[in-house]
Amino acid sequence: MKKIVVTISSAFAMLAAGMAIGYLFDFLIPSLKTEYQNTALYRPWEDPMMYLFFLQPFILCGTLVWGWARIKDHFTGSTGSKALQVALIMFFLTVIPGMLMTISSFKVSVVATATWTVSGFLQVLVAALVFIKMSK
């Protein structure tokens, strides 16, 4: 039961961080918002398939919580240090390859891909901070 609570809590933190970072990038780089409104590249939010977007943090955090129980003894340091290590591992295992596939396969801007890369790292860092702190 605790793993479910930890998963849900870290997933909501990850989702909130992702939304906040997204709004920040939209504010700092207004051309991103225009790019996201291009329905030739992106589904509109009214499309029911867009709800699948919200499942990603729950799937990823469930996997992270499950894996953390098996590897946590290999990490030392503070909660922040452990979270940073986990975030870097996930960044190099999932975010970087995913962004390389994205930029090479889809007609999205380098700016959008760069912001997704930064956002992906920060989202995993926030989720790791939450699940490591809650898993003590």
Protein backbone atom coordinates (compact mmCIF):
# COMPACT_ATOMS: atom_id res chain seq x y z
CA MET A 1 0.00 0.00 0.00
CA LYS A 2 2.85 2.39 0.83
CA LYS A 3 4.37 1.94 -2.64
CA ILE A 4 1.05 2.94 -4.20
CA VAL A 5 0.89 6.11 -2.10
CA VAL A 6 4.52 6.91 -2.90
CA THR A 7 3.91 6.31 -6.61
CA ILE A 8 0.80 8.50 -6.72
CA SER A 9 2.44 11.27 -4.67
CA SER A 10 5.60 11.37 -6.77
CA ALA A 11 3.58 11.18 -9.99
CA PHE A 12 1.44 14.17 -8.99
CA ALA A 13 4.61 16.07 -8.05
CA MET A 14 6.12 15.17 -11.41
CA LEU A 15 2.97 16.21 -13.27
CA ALA A 16 2.79 19.52 -11.37
CA ALA A 17 6.47 20.21 -12.02
CA GLY A 18 6.05 19.46 -15.70
CA MET A 19 3.07 21.77 -16.02
CA ALA A 20 4.83 24.56 -14.11
CA ILE A 21 7.99 24.19 -16.21
CA GLY A 22 5.88 24.15 -19.37
CA TYR A 23 4.13 27.39 -18.43
CA LEU A 24 7.49 28.94 -17.56
CA PHE A 25 8.98 28.01 -20.94
CA ASP A 26 5.83 29.28 -22.71
CA PHE A 27 6.27 32.59 -20.90
CA LEU A 28 10.01 32.83 -21.56
CA ILE A 29 9.84 31.60 -25.18
CA PRO A 30 6.48 32.72 -26.67
CA SER A 31 7.20 30.99 -30.00
CA LEU A 32 6.81 27.63 -28.22
CA LYS A 33 3.15 28.26 -27.50
CA THR A 34 2.59 29.04 -31.18
CA GLU A 35 4.40 25.85 -32.17
CA TYR A 36 2.29 23.77 -29.78
CA GLN A 37 -0.90 25.15 -31.37
CA ASN A 38 0.10 23.71 -34.75
CA THR A 39 -2.43 20.89 -35.16
CA ALA A 40 -0.38 19.50 -38.05
CA LEU A 41 2.21 18.49 -35.41
CA TYR A 42 0.25 18.19 -32.16
CA ARG A 43 -3.17 16.94 -31.20
CA PRO A 44 -5.48 19.60 -29.79
CA TRP A 45 -6.27 19.29 -26.07
CA GLU A 46 -9.88 18.54 -27.01
CA ASP A 47 -8.77 15.21 -28.54
CA PRO A 48 -9.50 12.41 -26.01
CA MET A 49 -6.15 10.79 -26.88
CA MET A 50 -4.44 13.71 -25.12
CA TYR A 51 -5.57 12.26 -21.78
CA LEU A 52 -2.92 9.58 -22.26
CA PHE A 53 -0.38 12.37 -21.69
CA PHE A 54 -1.35 12.36 -18.02
CA LEU A 55 -0.60 8.64 -17.59
CA GLN A 56 3.13 9.02 -18.26
CA PRO A 57 4.11 10.33 -14.78
CA PHE A 58 2.21 7.50 -13.08
CA ILE A 59 3.81 4.80 -15.23
CA LEU A 60 7.29 6.29 -14.84
CA CYS A 61 6.95 6.85 -11.09
CA GLY A 62 5.58 3.36 -10.56
CA THR A 63 8.61 1.99 -12.35
CA LEU A 64 10.97 4.24 -10.38
CA VAL A 65 9.46 3.28 -7.02
CA TRP A 66 9.60 -0.40 -7.93
CA GLY A 67 13.23 -0.08 -9.06
CA TRP A 68 14.25 2.09 -6.10
CA ALA A 69 13.33 -0.69 -3.69
CA ARG A 70 15.87 -2.90 -5.48
CA ILE A 71 18.76 -0.45 -5.94
CA LYS A 72 18.57 2.05 -3.07
CA ASP A 73 21.42 0.41 -1.17
CA HIS A 74 23.81 1.40 -3.96
CA PHE A 75 23.30 5.12 -3.32
CA THR A 76 24.87 7.20 -0.57
CA GLY A 77 24.49 10.77 0.56
CA SER A 78 21.57 13.01 1.33
CA THR A 79 18.11 12.70 -0.16
CA GLY A 80 19.00 15.46 -2.61
CA SER A 81 22.20 13.73 -3.64
CA LYS A 82 20.41 10.42 -4.17
CA ALA A 83 17.64 12.13 -6.13
CA LEU A 84 20.19 13.87 -8.35
CA GLN A 85 21.94 10.56 -9.03
CA VAL A 86 18.65 8.86 -9.93
CA ALA A 87 17.62 11.81 -12.10
CA LEU A 88 20.93 11.74 -13.98
CA ILE A 89 20.64 7.99 -14.56
CA MET A 90 17.09 8.37 -15.89
CA PHE A 91 18.13 11.41 -17.91
CA PHE A 92 20.82 9.48 -19.76
CA LEU A 93 18.78 6.26 -20.07
CA THR A 94 15.46 7.73 -21.17
CA VAL A 95 15.38 11.48 -21.78
CA ILE A 96 18.44 11.86 -24.01
CA PRO A 97 17.62 8.87 -26.26
CA GLY A 98 13.97 9.94 -26.42
CA MET A 99 14.90 13.47 -27.43
CA LEU A 100 17.38 12.22 -30.05
CA MET A 101 14.60 10.08 -31.54
CA THR A 102 12.20 13.01 -31.40
CA ILE A 103 14.46 15.56 -33.06
CA SER A 104 15.50 13.10 -35.75
CA SER A 105 12.01 11.75 -36.52
CA PHE A 106 9.56 14.64 -36.10
CA LYS A 107 9.40 18.16 -37.48
CA VAL A 108 9.69 19.84 -34.10
CA SER A 109 12.00 22.73 -33.39
CA VAL A 110 15.33 22.37 -31.66
CA VAL A 111 14.03 24.86 -29.07
CA ALA A 112 11.02 22.67 -28.25
CA THR A 113 13.23 19.59 -28.01
CA ALA A 114 15.70 21.42 -25.77
CA THR A 115 12.94 22.57 -23.43
CA TRP A 116 11.55 19.03 -23.26
CA THR A 117 15.03 17.78 -22.41
CA VAL A 118 15.42 20.25 -19.54
CA SER A 119 11.86 19.64 -18.40
CA GLY A 120 12.34 15.86 -18.48
CA PHE A 121 15.38 16.08 -16.24
CA LEU A 122 13.69 18.44 -13.77
CA GLN A 123 10.51 16.35 -13.64
CA VAL A 124 12.45 13.19 -12.82
CA LEU A 125 14.45 15.10 -10.21
CA VAL A 126 11.27 16.30 -8.49
CA ALA A 127 9.74 12.82 -8.59
CA ALA A 128 12.95 11.29 -7.21
CA LEU A 129 13.06 13.81 -4.36
CA VAL A 130 9.49 12.88 -3.41
CA PHE A 131 9.76 9.10 -3.65
CA ILE A 132 13.16 8.91 -1.95
CA LYS A 133 11.98 11.12 0.91
CA MET A 134 8.75 9.10 1.28
CA SER A 135 10.53 5.74 1.03
CA LYS A 136 12.64 6.22 4.15
